[in-house]
Amino acid sequence: MSNVIEIFSSIQGEGKYVGCRQIFIRTADCNLKCAYCDTNFARADFCNVETFAGSMKFKQIKNPIGVGTVADIVKKFMAEVPTHSISFTGGEPLLHWQFIRAVAEEINAKIFLETNGTLYKELEEVIDVVDIISMDIKLPSVAGNNFEKHREFMKVAAGKDLYVKIVISAETLTEEYEEAIEMIPAGILLILQPVTPVRNIGAISARKILEFQEYAVRKIKDVRVIPQTHRLINIF
């Protein structure tokens, strides 16, 4: 059983699979405190579950929720709307790796992991049931220096459908950005995500976006700039 914040069907708004229909399982808790985080991942007494896939109408289920209950909800949503994959997101879902593994083994679907890329030992425990990994690189100015953990995480994730995302803002330091780029293997897709301004985090300029991409493409084969598209169309 795990504490789950919400389960719903919607459109992936970020990264390589932007626009794809997914079922989102948002777990509570996170091991980092990122300055630009826009997600409430605090533990809750109840989980909000869509009544029908894509209805945007919710009912509440008491937390913590069992594996069988979540698997049944996912199967119901998949029967209602064709679905690309099941996204475990958070917070940091790998804090619930046992739960991820158990649910994955109960359903017949691609498993999509959205992670901050620091819990590489936990990733080892589920790597065989995960198909797609969306890994953030957290810059030191945002969440402390986790570069060594990110390096180990990418080693574990090698061979999977892995892409890396870096959120860039007006506050992003050139030195830390360049250090991050240097540790990413050339064959991994890199997504540069201009921050959605929140609290004291400012939007990055168009000129700076182009400069950051120009630096990255000299080393990495595929570098794409993709904002949070779900924010643009006001969908969660």
Protein backbone atom coordinates (compact mmCIF):
# COMPACT_ATOMS: atom_id res chain seq x y z
CA MET A 1 0.00 0.00 0.00
CA SER A 2 1.09 3.59 -0.61
CA ASN A 3 -0.04 7.14 -0.06
CA VAL A 4 -1.25 8.34 -3.46
CA ILE A 5 -2.33 11.91 -4.15
CA GLU A 6 -4.28 11.39 -7.36
CA ILE A 7 -4.99 9.01 -10.24
CA PHE A 8 -6.28 10.40 -13.51
CA SER A 9 -6.14 10.17 -17.32
CA SER A 10 -4.71 13.12 -19.24
CA ILE A 11 -2.12 14.32 -21.75
CA GLN A 12 1.60 14.18 -21.09
CA GLY A 13 2.61 17.83 -21.06
CA GLU A 14 6.40 17.55 -20.97
CA GLY A 15 9.34 15.94 -22.70
CA LYS A 16 9.71 13.37 -25.45
CA TYR A 17 6.17 12.02 -25.25
CA VAL A 18 4.38 15.37 -25.02
CA GLY A 19 0.80 15.04 -26.25
CA CYS A 20 0.47 11.31 -25.56
CA ARG A 21 -2.46 10.05 -23.52
CA GLN A 22 -1.37 8.62 -20.19
CA ILE A 23 -2.77 7.47 -16.88
CA PHE A 24 -1.04 9.35 -14.08
CA ILE A 25 -0.44 7.86 -10.63
CA ARG A 26 0.91 10.66 -8.44
CA THR A 27 2.56 9.43 -5.26
CA ALA A 28 3.21 11.49 -2.14
CA ASP A 29 6.62 12.49 -0.72
CA CYS A 30 9.84 13.77 -2.27
CA ASN A 31 13.48 13.64 -1.26
CA LEU A 32 14.26 17.07 -2.76
CA LYS A 33 12.93 20.61 -2.37
CA CYS A 34 13.22 22.30 -5.76
CA ALA A 35 12.80 26.05 -5.94
CA TYR A 36 10.46 25.90 -8.96
CA CYS A 37 8.31 22.94 -7.83
CA ASP A 38 4.63 23.52 -8.65
CA THR A 39 3.28 20.24 -7.28
CA ASN A 40 1.72 19.52 -3.90
CA PHE A 41 3.22 16.17 -2.91
CA ALA A 42 2.33 16.22 0.80
CA ARG A 43 0.71 13.08 2.18
CA ALA A 44 -3.09 13.23 2.16
CA ASP A 45 -5.84 11.39 3.98
CA PHE A 46 -7.61 10.76 0.69
CA CYS A 47 -6.59 10.11 -2.91
CA ASN A 48 -8.47 11.93 -5.68
CA VAL A 49 -9.47 9.45 -8.40
CA GLU A 50 -11.21 10.36 -11.65
CA THR A 51 -14.67 8.87 -11.95
CA PHE A 52 -14.12 8.24 -15.69
CA ALA A 53 -10.94 8.56 -17.74
CA GLY A 54 -10.59 12.21 -18.77
CA SER A 55 -13.79 13.35 -17.03
CA MET A 56 -11.90 15.74 -14.71
CA LYS A 57 -14.45 14.78 -12.07
CA PHE A 58 -13.13 13.07 -8.97
CA LYS A 59 -14.10 10.86 -6.09
CA GLN A 60 -12.04 10.26 -2.97
CA ILE A 61 -10.54 6.99 -1.77
CA LYS A 62 -9.02 6.60 1.66
CA ASN A 63 -5.21 6.48 1.86
CA PRO A 64 -3.08 4.43 1.87
CA ILE A 65 -4.30 2.61 -1.24
CA GLY A 66 -3.65 -1.04 -1.97
CA VAL A 67 -1.98 -2.37 -5.11
CA GLY A 68 -5.10 -4.24 -6.23
CA THR A 69 -7.27 -1.14 -5.99
CA VAL A 70 -4.86 0.92 -8.08
CA ALA A 71 -4.47 -1.85 -10.66
CA ASP A 72 -8.26 -2.09 -11.00
CA ILE A 73 -8.54 1.69 -11.52
CA VAL A 74 -5.82 1.61 -14.18
CA LYS A 75 -7.47 -1.29 -16.01
CA LYS A 76 -10.81 0.54 -15.93
CA PHE A 77 -9.28 3.71 -17.40
CA MET A 78 -7.45 1.72 -20.08
CA ALA A 79 -10.74 0.12 -21.12
CA GLU A 80 -12.39 3.55 -21.33
CA VAL A 81 -9.67 5.37 -23.31
CA PRO A 82 -6.75 3.90 -25.33
CA THR A 83 -3.64 4.81 -23.37
CA HIS A 84 0.00 5.17 -24.36
CA SER A 85 1.50 4.38 -20.94
CA ILE A 86 1.10 4.54 -17.19
CA SER A 87 3.03 7.40 -15.60
CA PHE A 88 4.27 7.10 -12.05
CA THR A 89 4.98 10.65 -10.97
CA GLY A 90 5.20 12.66 -7.79
CA GLY A 91 6.77 13.96 -5.67
CA GLU A 92 9.39 11.30 -6.23
CA PRO A 93 7.78 7.98 -7.15
CA LEU A 94 10.90 5.91 -6.52
CA LEU A 95 10.35 6.47 -2.81
CA HIS A 96 7.52 3.98 -3.43
CA TRP A 97 9.48 1.52 -5.58
CA GLN A 98 7.85 -1.56 -4.02
CA PHE A 99 4.44 -0.14 -4.91
CA ILE A 100 5.53 0.63 -8.49
CA ARG A 101 6.81 -2.90 -8.98
CA ALA A 102 3.68 -4.47 -7.54
CA VAL A 103 1.29 -2.38 -9.67
CA ALA A 104 3.38 -2.91 -12.81
CA GLU A 105 3.18 -6.66 -12.32
CA GLU A 106 -0.64 -6.47 -12.09
CA ILE A 107 -1.26 -4.57 -15.34
CA ASN A 108 -0.37 -5.11 -18.98
CA ALA A 109 0.91 -1.68 -20.00
CA LYS A 110 4.03 0.36 -20.61
CA ILE A 111 5.39 1.87 -17.42
CA PHE A 112 6.57 5.47 -17.62
CA LEU A 113 8.66 6.79 -14.72
CA GLU A 114 8.96 10.53 -14.03
CA THR A 115 11.81 10.98 -11.59
CA ASN A 116 14.31 13.48 -10.21
CA GLY A 117 17.08 11.03 -11.09
CA THR A 118 18.74 10.75 -7.69
CA LEU A 119 17.52 7.42 -6.27
CA TYR A 120 19.60 5.06 -8.40
CA LYS A 121 19.56 2.21 -5.89
CA GLU A 122 15.76 2.26 -5.86
CA LEU A 123 15.77 2.34 -9.67
CA GLU A 124 17.77 -0.89 -9.64
CA GLU A 125 14.84 -2.53 -7.84
CA VAL A 126 12.32 -1.73 -10.60
CA ILE A 127 14.39 -1.29 -13.75
CA ASP A 128 13.12 -4.56 -15.23
CA VAL A 129 9.46 -3.46 -15.07
CA VAL A 130 10.00 0.12 -16.29
CA ASP A 131 9.87 0.92 -20.02
CA ILE A 132 10.34 4.71 -20.26
CA ILE A 133 12.30 6.99 -17.93
CA SER A 134 11.91 10.76 -17.86
CA MET A 135 14.83 11.86 -15.70
CA ASP A 136 15.36 15.38 -14.41
CA ILE A 137 18.82 16.76 -13.83
CA LYS A 138 18.50 19.07 -10.86
CA LEU A 139 20.96 21.93 -11.01
CA PRO A 140 22.74 22.87 -7.77
CA SER A 141 21.07 26.30 -7.62
CA VAL A 142 17.69 24.54 -7.59
CA ALA A 143 18.11 21.52 -5.32
CA GLY A 144 21.71 21.15 -4.18
CA ASN A 145 24.46 19.27 -5.99
CA ASN A 146 23.22 15.81 -6.99
CA PHE A 147 25.42 15.38 -10.07
CA GLU A 148 27.15 12.24 -8.81
CA LYS A 149 23.78 10.64 -8.07
CA HIS A 150 22.61 11.62 -11.56
CA ARG A 151 25.66 9.94 -13.09
CA GLU A 152 24.94 6.71 -11.24
CA PHE A 153 21.26 6.92 -12.16
CA MET A 154 22.03 7.17 -15.89
CA LYS A 155 24.27 4.10 -15.62
CA VAL A 156 21.40 2.06 -14.16
CA ALA A 157 18.94 3.42 -16.74
CA ALA A 158 21.20 2.65 -19.72
CA GLY A 159 19.44 0.51 -22.30
CA LYS A 160 15.99 1.82 -21.43
CA ASP A 161 14.01 4.46 -23.31
CA LEU A 162 15.65 7.24 -21.28
CA TYR A 163 15.58 10.96 -21.83
CA VAL A 164 16.91 13.74 -19.63
CA LYS A 165 15.20 17.02 -18.81
CA ILE A 166 16.76 20.20 -17.44
CA VAL A 167 14.50 23.03 -16.30
CA ILE A 168 16.10 26.37 -17.18
CA SER A 169 15.16 29.76 -15.77
CA ALA A 170 16.42 33.32 -15.46
CA GLU A 171 18.33 32.15 -12.38
CA THR A 172 20.14 29.25 -14.11
CA LEU A 173 23.90 29.72 -13.85
CA THR A 174 25.95 29.12 -16.98
CA GLU A 175 28.64 27.23 -15.06
CA GLU A 176 26.28 24.69 -13.50
CA TYR A 177 24.41 24.22 -16.77
CA GLU A 178 27.60 23.50 -18.69
CA GLU A 179 28.74 21.04 -16.01
CA ALA A 180 25.42 19.22 -16.34
CA ILE A 181 25.74 19.02 -20.12
CA GLU A 182 29.23 17.56 -19.88
CA MET A 183 28.03 14.57 -17.85
CA ILE A 184 25.19 13.56 -20.21
CA PRO A 185 26.13 10.80 -22.71
CA ALA A 186 25.94 12.02 -26.30
CA GLY A 187 23.28 9.50 -27.34
CA ILE A 188 20.68 10.49 -24.74
CA LEU A 189 17.87 12.85 -25.76
CA LEU A 190 18.01 16.12 -23.82
CA ILE A 191 14.92 18.25 -23.21
CA LEU A 192 15.49 21.86 -22.18
CA GLN A 193 12.34 23.00 -20.40
CA PRO A 194 11.92 26.75 -19.90
CA VAL A 195 10.53 27.17 -16.40
CA THR A 196 6.92 28.09 -15.84
CA PRO A 197 7.43 31.16 -13.59
CA VAL A 198 6.43 30.50 -9.99
CA ARG A 199 7.03 32.45 -6.78
CA ASN A 200 10.43 34.18 -7.20
CA ILE A 201 11.60 32.08 -10.18
CA GLY A 202 11.74 34.20 -13.33
CA ALA A 203 11.15 33.26 -16.97
CA ILE A 204 14.26 32.71 -19.07
CA SER A 205 14.83 34.96 -22.08
CA ALA A 206 14.59 33.69 -25.65
CA ARG A 207 18.23 34.66 -26.24
CA LYS A 208 19.40 32.61 -23.25
CA ILE A 209 17.36 29.60 -24.36
CA LEU A 210 19.08 29.67 -27.74
CA GLU A 211 22.49 30.05 -26.12
CA PHE A 212 21.87 27.06 -23.84
CA GLN A 213 20.68 24.90 -26.73
CA GLU A 214 23.64 25.97 -28.88
CA TYR A 215 26.06 24.84 -26.17
CA ALA A 216 24.32 21.50 -25.71
CA VAL A 217 24.01 20.53 -29.39
CA ARG A 218 27.78 20.69 -29.78
CA LYS A 219 27.97 17.61 -27.56
CA ILE A 220 24.55 15.95 -27.55
CA LYS A 221 22.94 14.73 -30.77
CA ASP A 222 19.30 15.51 -29.97
CA VAL A 223 18.46 18.62 -27.91
CA ARG A 224 14.88 19.90 -27.91
CA VAL A 225 13.30 22.94 -26.24
CA ILE A 226 9.82 22.05 -24.94
CA PRO A 227 7.89 24.06 -22.32
CA GLN A 228 5.16 22.69 -20.05
CA THR A 229 2.47 22.41 -22.73
CA HIS A 230 -0.29 21.32 -20.35
CA ARG A 231 0.02 24.73 -18.71
CA LEU A 232 -0.59 26.40 -22.08
CA ILE A 233 -3.90 24.58 -22.60
CA ASN A 234 -4.90 24.67 -18.92
CA ILE A 235 -5.10 20.93 -18.41
CA PHE A 236 -3.60 18.87 -15.60
